[in-house]
Amino acid sequence: MTLLAVSNPTAVDLRGLAQDVAADPTQWRPLVHHGPERHFALLHRDAEAEVWVVSWGPGHDTGFHDHDDSAAAIAVAQGEIREQRLAVGRANVDRRFRAGQTVAVRPSDIHRVQHAGATPSVTIHAYSPPLSRMGQYEVGPNGTLQRHASRADEELKPVAP
């Protein structure tokens, strides 16, 4: 199965892919699971991109992270999420996205995603190239930003200080 008809997909291509999958619940609804832990399931992976469905509930939080060399698009299929971009010397950029909205994430962005709203949420995440590594961030005791490398198959959670 090939979801993208292009090689080297652009941010626009990834956004379209995430939105197309989100608009077709038959592709993702059987993989949704709402429980005490955030649940994620791989929908598709090829040489160009990968697509995940993520189930969110109260308290679910990725912590600040990057996607190494992968760009991403996150389409909200159900409910609401909060996305924060890490900012230096000022307040983080804080936005909310509801069902039908999509956020683009460049490889250089450091962000976190959290469940928001009163009902469970579902998001569709498209990455290109497919994820291999990520970085998780914490602010050290002296105020320095510290990056912790992680494999793409490790669940993202806030790094304990």
Protein backbone atom coordinates (compact mmCIF):
# COMPACT_ATOMS: atom_id res chain seq x y z
CA MET A 1 0.00 0.00 0.00
CA THR A 2 1.38 3.41 -0.95
CA LEU A 3 -0.30 6.39 0.63
CA LEU A 4 1.87 9.05 -1.02
CA ALA A 5 2.17 9.41 -4.76
CA VAL A 6 5.36 11.49 -4.43
CA SER A 7 8.88 10.89 -3.23
CA ASN A 8 10.50 13.32 -0.79
CA PRO A 9 7.13 14.59 0.47
CA THR A 10 6.81 18.25 1.41
CA ALA A 11 5.06 19.68 4.46
CA VAL A 12 1.97 20.16 2.28
CA ASP A 13 2.10 16.48 1.23
CA LEU A 14 2.37 15.34 4.87
CA ARG A 15 -0.50 17.60 5.92
CA GLY A 16 -2.67 16.17 3.13
CA LEU A 17 -1.74 12.61 4.08
CA ALA A 18 -2.62 13.11 7.77
CA GLN A 19 -5.88 14.87 6.87
CA ASP A 20 -6.89 12.18 4.35
CA VAL A 21 -6.32 9.39 6.89
CA ALA A 22 -8.12 11.33 9.65
CA ALA A 23 -11.11 11.85 7.34
CA ASP A 24 -11.50 8.06 6.90
CA PRO A 25 -12.27 6.51 10.31
CA THR A 26 -12.38 3.01 8.81
CA GLN A 27 -8.56 3.22 8.60
CA TRP A 28 -7.95 4.12 12.25
CA ARG A 29 -11.01 3.57 14.46
CA PRO A 30 -10.33 -0.19 15.01
CA LEU A 31 -6.91 0.73 16.47
CA VAL A 32 -8.15 3.35 18.95
CA HIS A 33 -7.78 2.40 22.60
CA HIS A 34 -8.43 4.82 25.44
CA GLY A 35 -6.92 3.78 28.75
CA PRO A 36 -4.63 5.01 31.50
CA GLU A 37 -1.63 5.10 29.11
CA ARG A 38 -1.44 6.89 25.77
CA HIS A 39 -1.92 4.30 23.04
CA PHE A 40 -0.37 4.44 19.58
CA ALA A 41 -0.52 2.09 16.61
CA LEU A 42 1.30 2.06 13.29
CA LEU A 43 -1.06 2.38 10.32
CA HIS A 44 1.50 2.48 7.50
CA ARG A 45 5.24 2.62 6.84
CA ASP A 46 7.16 2.71 3.57
CA ALA A 47 10.43 4.26 2.43
CA GLU A 48 8.89 7.75 2.23
CA ALA A 49 6.60 8.09 5.23
CA GLU A 50 4.92 6.48 8.18
CA VAL A 51 1.50 7.10 9.71
CA TRP A 52 0.40 6.49 13.30
CA VAL A 53 -2.90 6.73 15.14
CA VAL A 54 -2.59 7.98 18.74
CA SER A 55 -5.29 7.73 21.43
CA TRP A 56 -5.20 10.44 24.11
CA GLY A 57 -6.85 10.86 27.50
CA PRO A 58 -6.49 13.02 30.62
CA GLY A 59 -2.88 13.54 31.70
CA HIS A 60 -1.32 12.17 28.52
CA ASP A 61 1.77 14.20 27.59
CA THR A 62 4.74 13.58 25.28
CA GLY A 63 7.04 16.03 27.04
CA PHE A 64 9.23 18.32 24.94
CA HIS A 65 10.83 16.45 22.05
CA ASP A 66 12.06 16.69 18.47
CA HIS A 67 11.73 14.26 15.56
CA ASP A 68 15.42 14.38 14.63
CA ASP A 69 15.45 14.62 10.82
CA SER A 70 11.75 13.86 10.24
CA ALA A 71 9.04 16.41 9.45
CA ALA A 72 5.54 15.72 10.75
CA ALA A 73 1.90 16.61 10.38
CA ILE A 74 -0.62 15.91 13.14
CA ALA A 75 -4.30 15.85 12.22
CA VAL A 76 -6.84 15.83 15.04
CA ALA A 77 -9.45 13.23 14.15
CA GLN A 78 -11.41 13.43 17.39
CA GLY A 79 -11.34 15.64 20.47
CA GLU A 80 -8.67 18.23 21.21
CA ILE A 81 -4.92 18.44 21.83
CA ARG A 82 -2.58 21.14 23.13
CA GLU A 83 0.72 21.73 21.37
CA GLN A 84 3.53 23.83 22.82
CA ARG A 85 6.67 24.98 21.02
CA LEU A 86 9.69 25.53 23.20
CA ALA A 87 10.73 29.19 23.29
CA VAL A 88 13.86 30.71 24.80
CA GLY A 89 13.64 33.91 26.81
CA ARG A 90 9.87 34.12 26.63
CA ALA A 91 6.74 32.04 27.17
CA ASN A 92 6.37 28.88 25.11
CA VAL A 93 4.09 29.12 22.08
CA ASP A 94 0.90 27.41 23.22
CA ARG A 95 -1.88 26.38 20.81
CA ARG A 96 -4.92 24.12 20.86
CA PHE A 97 -6.13 22.06 17.94
CA ARG A 98 -9.58 20.53 17.61
CA ALA A 99 -11.04 17.83 15.37
CA GLY A 100 -10.54 18.82 11.75
CA GLN A 101 -7.40 20.88 12.40
CA THR A 102 -3.81 19.97 11.53
CA VAL A 103 -0.44 21.16 12.80
CA ALA A 104 2.84 20.95 10.85
CA VAL A 105 6.09 20.20 12.68
CA ARG A 106 9.49 20.84 11.08
CA PRO A 107 12.42 18.58 11.94
CA SER A 108 14.03 21.48 13.82
CA ASP A 109 10.98 22.14 16.05
CA ILE A 110 11.03 21.24 19.74
CA HIS A 111 7.48 20.71 20.89
CA ARG A 112 5.23 18.78 23.22
CA VAL A 113 1.73 17.42 22.70
CA GLN A 114 -0.83 16.93 25.45
CA HIS A 115 -4.42 15.81 25.67
CA ALA A 116 -6.81 18.74 26.05
CA GLY A 117 -10.53 19.06 26.49
CA ALA A 118 -13.07 16.97 28.35
CA THR A 119 -13.36 14.00 25.98
CA PRO A 120 -10.82 11.45 24.71
CA SER A 121 -8.88 12.50 21.60
CA VAL A 122 -7.47 10.75 18.54
CA THR A 123 -4.71 12.13 16.33
CA ILE A 124 -3.15 10.95 13.08
CA HIS A 125 0.62 11.54 12.81
CA ALA A 126 2.43 11.43 9.46
CA TYR A 127 6.26 11.53 9.41
CA SER A 128 8.74 11.79 6.57
CA PRO A 129 11.23 10.32 6.42
CA PRO A 130 10.00 7.57 8.75
CA LEU A 131 11.12 8.14 12.34
CA SER A 132 14.34 6.53 13.46
CA ARG A 133 15.45 8.76 16.34
CA MET A 134 14.02 11.48 18.54
CA GLY A 135 15.31 13.79 21.23
CA GLN A 136 13.61 14.39 24.57
CA TYR A 137 14.32 17.59 26.49
CA GLU A 138 14.53 18.74 30.07
CA VAL A 139 15.71 21.87 31.78
CA GLY A 140 18.61 20.98 34.05
CA PRO A 141 18.99 22.23 37.64
CA ASN A 142 21.21 25.09 36.46
CA GLY A 143 18.74 26.14 33.75
CA THR A 144 20.51 24.49 30.83
CA LEU A 145 18.53 22.62 28.20
CA GLN A 146 19.49 18.95 28.02
CA ARG A 147 18.69 16.63 25.11
CA HIS A 148 18.28 12.91 25.66
CA ALA A 149 18.44 10.83 22.48
CA SER A 150 15.86 8.09 22.12
CA ARG A 151 14.88 5.49 19.55
CA ALA A 152 11.68 6.06 17.62
CA ASP A 153 10.10 2.95 19.13
CA GLU A 154 10.39 4.33 22.69
CA GLU A 155 7.26 5.98 24.08
CA LEU A 156 7.60 9.72 24.61
CA LYS A 157 6.88 10.96 28.12
CA PRO A 158 8.06 14.03 30.02
CA VAL A 159 11.66 13.59 31.17
CA ALA A 160 11.89 13.54 34.96
CA PRO A 161 14.11 16.36 36.26
